[in-house]
Amino acid sequence: MERFFRSLKTERLDGIRFSTRESARLEIVDHINFYNALRLHSTLGYISLMGYEKEQLRKAA
């Protein structure tokens, strides 16, 4: 979880000032979707979290 927040701060929010709370919320939701579905994670063999989960479910079946 700490890595997620570090990534959110450094990759997405660094230096951005939001005019509304809603625009900040939308940016954070977008980052969550990116982090889970697309961002490659070195600790998982450079696959996304969703890709890793699918692979684990496939192995368990």
C-alpha atoms as a PDB file:
ATOM      1  CA  MET A   1       0.000   0.000   0.000  1.00  0.00           C
ATOM      2  CA  GLU A   2       2.863   2.375   0.765  1.00  0.00           C
ATOM      3  CA  ARG A   3       4.222   1.857  -2.741  1.00  0.00           C
ATOM      4  CA  PHE A   4       0.848   2.794  -4.217  1.00  0.00           C
ATOM      5  CA  PHE A   5       0.742   6.091  -2.325  1.00  0.00           C
ATOM      6  CA  ARG A   6       4.348   6.887  -3.246  1.00  0.00           C
ATOM      7  CA  SER A   7       3.529   6.220  -6.884  1.00  0.00           C
ATOM      8  CA  LEU A   8       0.386   8.342  -6.661  1.00  0.00           C
ATOM      9  CA  LYS A   9       2.335  11.257  -5.220  1.00  0.00           C
ATOM     10  CA  THR A  10       5.403  11.084  -7.456  1.00  0.00           C
ATOM     11  CA  GLU A  11       3.948   9.848 -10.742  1.00  0.00           C
ATOM     12  CA  ARG A  12       0.588  11.558 -10.748  1.00  0.00           C
ATOM     13  CA  LEU A  13       0.079  14.397  -8.278  1.00  0.00           C
ATOM     14  CA  ASP A  14       3.486  16.030  -7.935  1.00  0.00           C
ATOM     15  CA  GLY A  15       3.102  19.761  -8.511  1.00  0.00           C
ATOM     16  CA  ILE A  16      -0.567  19.644  -9.512  1.00  0.00           C
ATOM     17  CA  ARG A  17      -3.035  22.042  -7.934  1.00  0.00           C
ATOM     18  CA  PHE A  18      -6.647  21.034  -8.364  1.00  0.00           C
ATOM     19  CA  SER A  19      -9.364  23.631  -8.691  1.00  0.00           C
ATOM     20  CA  THR A  20     -12.017  21.360  -7.199  1.00  0.00           C
ATOM     21  CA  ARG A  21     -12.167  18.355  -4.935  1.00  0.00           C
ATOM     22  CA  GLU A  22     -13.991  16.494  -7.706  1.00  0.00           C
ATOM     23  CA  SER A  23     -11.145  17.001 -10.190  1.00  0.00           C
ATOM     24  CA  ALA A  24      -8.699  15.642  -7.596  1.00  0.00           C
ATOM     25  CA  ARG A  25     -10.958  12.662  -6.964  1.00  0.00           C
ATOM     26  CA  LEU A  26     -11.191  11.891 -10.685  1.00  0.00           C
ATOM     27  CA  GLU A  27      -7.406  12.032 -11.069  1.00  0.00           C
ATOM     28  CA  ILE A  28      -6.957   9.645  -8.136  1.00  0.00           C
ATOM     29  CA  VAL A  29      -9.571   7.218  -9.483  1.00  0.00           C
ATOM     30  CA  ASP A  30      -7.833   7.298 -12.867  1.00  0.00           C
ATOM     31  CA  HIS A  31      -4.513   6.494 -11.206  1.00  0.00           C
ATOM     32  CA  ILE A  32      -6.049   3.594  -9.265  1.00  0.00           C
ATOM     33  CA  ASN A  33      -7.358   2.124 -12.514  1.00  0.00           C
ATOM     34  CA  PHE A  34      -3.974   2.600 -14.208  1.00  0.00           C
ATOM     35  CA  TYR A  35      -2.055   1.167 -11.228  1.00  0.00           C
ATOM     36  CA  ASN A  36      -4.172  -1.981 -11.095  1.00  0.00           C
ATOM     37  CA  ALA A  37      -4.742  -2.669 -14.783  1.00  0.00           C
ATOM     38  CA  LEU A  38      -1.766  -1.305 -16.713  1.00  0.00           C
ATOM     39  CA  ARG A  39       1.235  -0.391 -14.560  1.00  0.00           C
ATOM     40  CA  LEU A  40       3.920  -3.073 -14.674  1.00  0.00           C
ATOM     41  CA  HIS A  41       5.263  -4.177 -11.295  1.00  0.00           C
ATOM     42  CA  SER A  42       8.832  -5.426 -11.075  1.00  0.00           C
ATOM     43  CA  THR A  43       8.099  -7.589  -8.033  1.00  0.00           C
ATOM     44  CA  LEU A  44       5.483  -9.481 -10.073  1.00  0.00           C
ATOM     45  CA  GLY A  45       7.754 -10.141 -13.033  1.00  0.00           C
ATOM     46  CA  TYR A  46       6.788  -6.968 -14.879  1.00  0.00           C
ATOM     47  CA  ILE A  47       3.094  -7.691 -15.228  1.00  0.00           C
ATOM     48  CA  SER A  48       0.134  -5.683 -13.968  1.00  0.00           C
ATOM     49  CA  LEU A  49      -1.699  -6.494 -10.752  1.00  0.00           C
ATOM     50  CA  MET A  50      -4.733  -7.618 -12.737  1.00  0.00           C
ATOM     51  CA  GLY A  51      -2.539  -9.748 -14.987  1.00  0.00           C
ATOM     52  CA  TYR A  52      -0.943 -11.348 -11.939  1.00  0.00           C
ATOM     53  CA  GLU A  53      -4.332 -12.076 -10.404  1.00  0.00           C
ATOM     54  CA  LYS A  54      -5.577 -13.663 -13.647  1.00  0.00           C
ATOM     55  CA  GLU A  55      -2.448 -15.808 -13.838  1.00  0.00           C
ATOM     56  CA  GLN A  56      -2.866 -16.984 -10.238  1.00  0.00           C
ATOM     57  CA  LEU A  57      -6.523 -17.849 -10.829  1.00  0.00           C
ATOM     58  CA  ARG A  58      -5.583 -19.761 -13.979  1.00  0.00           C
ATOM     59  CA  LYS A  59      -2.956 -21.762 -12.067  1.00  0.00           C
ATOM     60  CA  ALA A  60      -5.432 -22.566  -9.296  1.00  0.00           C
ATOM     61  CA  ALA A  61      -8.090 -23.840 -11.706  1.00  0.00           C
END
